[in-house]
Amino acid sequence: MLRSLFPGSRTKYAGTLVRDISELPRRLDQGFTQVAVQSDLALLRDAFSAILRTARAIP
């Protein structure tokens, strides 16, 4: 996909953000060379949720 939009741009790196690792193969097939999984906010949210679950399990 990206190669057809920008022919001859082999020296350019294209990045994107995916919310789930299952999206990774499709994005790589589309020509993305830099892929981040989740965002900083999502990582912090997930970590905080794990902390809350642990704290709530304490009797």
C-alpha atoms as a PDB file:
ATOM      1  CA  MET A   1       0.000   0.000   0.000  1.00  0.00           C
ATOM      2  CA  LEU A   2       2.608   2.562   1.050  1.00  0.00           C
ATOM      3  CA  ARG A   3       4.938   1.526  -1.754  1.00  0.00           C
ATOM      4  CA  SER A   4       2.232   2.280  -4.305  1.00  0.00           C
ATOM      5  CA  LEU A   5       1.578   5.696  -2.757  1.00  0.00           C
ATOM      6  CA  PHE A   6       5.250   6.643  -2.579  1.00  0.00           C
ATOM      7  CA  PRO A   7       7.166   4.751  -5.267  1.00  0.00           C
ATOM      8  CA  GLY A   8      10.939   4.886  -4.960  1.00  0.00           C
ATOM      9  CA  SER A   9      10.875   5.999  -1.338  1.00  0.00           C
ATOM     10  CA  ARG A  10      13.004   3.175   0.014  1.00  0.00           C
ATOM     11  CA  THR A  11      14.974   5.514   2.240  1.00  0.00           C
ATOM     12  CA  LYS A  12      11.860   6.742   4.020  1.00  0.00           C
ATOM     13  CA  TYR A  13      10.551   4.996   7.103  1.00  0.00           C
ATOM     14  CA  ALA A  14       6.836   4.822   7.723  1.00  0.00           C
ATOM     15  CA  GLY A  15       5.447   4.186  11.181  1.00  0.00           C
ATOM     16  CA  THR A  16       2.085   3.463  12.689  1.00  0.00           C
ATOM     17  CA  LEU A  17       0.484   2.529  15.986  1.00  0.00           C
ATOM     18  CA  VAL A  18      -1.440  -0.709  16.437  1.00  0.00           C
ATOM     19  CA  ARG A  19      -3.709  -1.381  19.395  1.00  0.00           C
ATOM     20  CA  ASP A  20      -3.326  -5.152  19.259  1.00  0.00           C
ATOM     21  CA  ILE A  21      -0.426  -7.386  18.242  1.00  0.00           C
ATOM     22  CA  SER A  22      -2.733  -9.282  15.865  1.00  0.00           C
ATOM     23  CA  GLU A  23      -2.691  -6.190  13.587  1.00  0.00           C
ATOM     24  CA  LEU A  24       1.080  -6.396  13.142  1.00  0.00           C
ATOM     25  CA  PRO A  25       1.281  -8.745  10.101  1.00  0.00           C
ATOM     26  CA  ARG A  26      -1.256  -6.677   8.157  1.00  0.00           C
ATOM     27  CA  ARG A  27       0.608  -3.415   8.835  1.00  0.00           C
ATOM     28  CA  LEU A  28       3.931  -4.956   7.810  1.00  0.00           C
ATOM     29  CA  ASP A  29       2.301  -6.244   4.600  1.00  0.00           C
ATOM     30  CA  GLN A  30       1.077  -2.691   3.968  1.00  0.00           C
ATOM     31  CA  GLY A  31       4.689  -1.511   3.964  1.00  0.00           C
ATOM     32  CA  PHE A  32       5.095   0.000   7.419  1.00  0.00           C
ATOM     33  CA  THR A  33       8.651  -0.375   8.704  1.00  0.00           C
ATOM     34  CA  GLN A  34       8.176   1.055  12.202  1.00  0.00           C
ATOM     35  CA  VAL A  35       5.287  -0.306  14.265  1.00  0.00           C
ATOM     36  CA  ALA A  36       4.481   0.513  17.878  1.00  0.00           C
ATOM     37  CA  VAL A  37       2.102  -1.721  19.798  1.00  0.00           C
ATOM     38  CA  GLN A  38      -0.303   0.129  22.077  1.00  0.00           C
ATOM     39  CA  SER A  39       0.254   3.649  23.299  1.00  0.00           C
ATOM     40  CA  ASP A  40       1.890   4.934  26.466  1.00  0.00           C
ATOM     41  CA  LEU A  41      -1.530   5.714  27.893  1.00  0.00           C
ATOM     42  CA  ALA A  42      -2.801   2.194  27.195  1.00  0.00           C
ATOM     43  CA  LEU A  43       0.270   0.657  28.822  1.00  0.00           C
ATOM     44  CA  LEU A  44      -0.186   2.818  31.923  1.00  0.00           C
ATOM     45  CA  ARG A  45      -3.906   1.999  32.046  1.00  0.00           C
ATOM     46  CA  ASP A  46      -3.221  -1.730  31.860  1.00  0.00           C
ATOM     47  CA  ALA A  47      -0.547  -1.530  34.563  1.00  0.00           C
ATOM     48  CA  PHE A  48      -2.825   0.495  36.845  1.00  0.00           C
ATOM     49  CA  SER A  49      -5.658  -2.003  36.306  1.00  0.00           C
ATOM     50  CA  ALA A  50      -3.323  -4.827  37.351  1.00  0.00           C
ATOM     51  CA  ILE A  51      -2.359  -2.913  40.494  1.00  0.00           C
ATOM     52  CA  LEU A  52      -6.026  -2.373  41.362  1.00  0.00           C
ATOM     53  CA  ARG A  53      -6.850  -6.064  40.858  1.00  0.00           C
ATOM     54  CA  THR A  54      -3.983  -7.020  43.167  1.00  0.00           C
ATOM     55  CA  ALA A  55      -5.007  -4.481  45.813  1.00  0.00           C
ATOM     56  CA  ARG A  56      -8.651  -5.591  45.723  1.00  0.00           C
ATOM     57  CA  ALA A  57      -7.627  -9.222  46.199  1.00  0.00           C
ATOM     58  CA  ILE A  58      -5.931  -8.435  49.511  1.00  0.00           C
ATOM     59  CA  PRO A  59      -8.276  -9.416  52.365  1.00  0.00           C
END
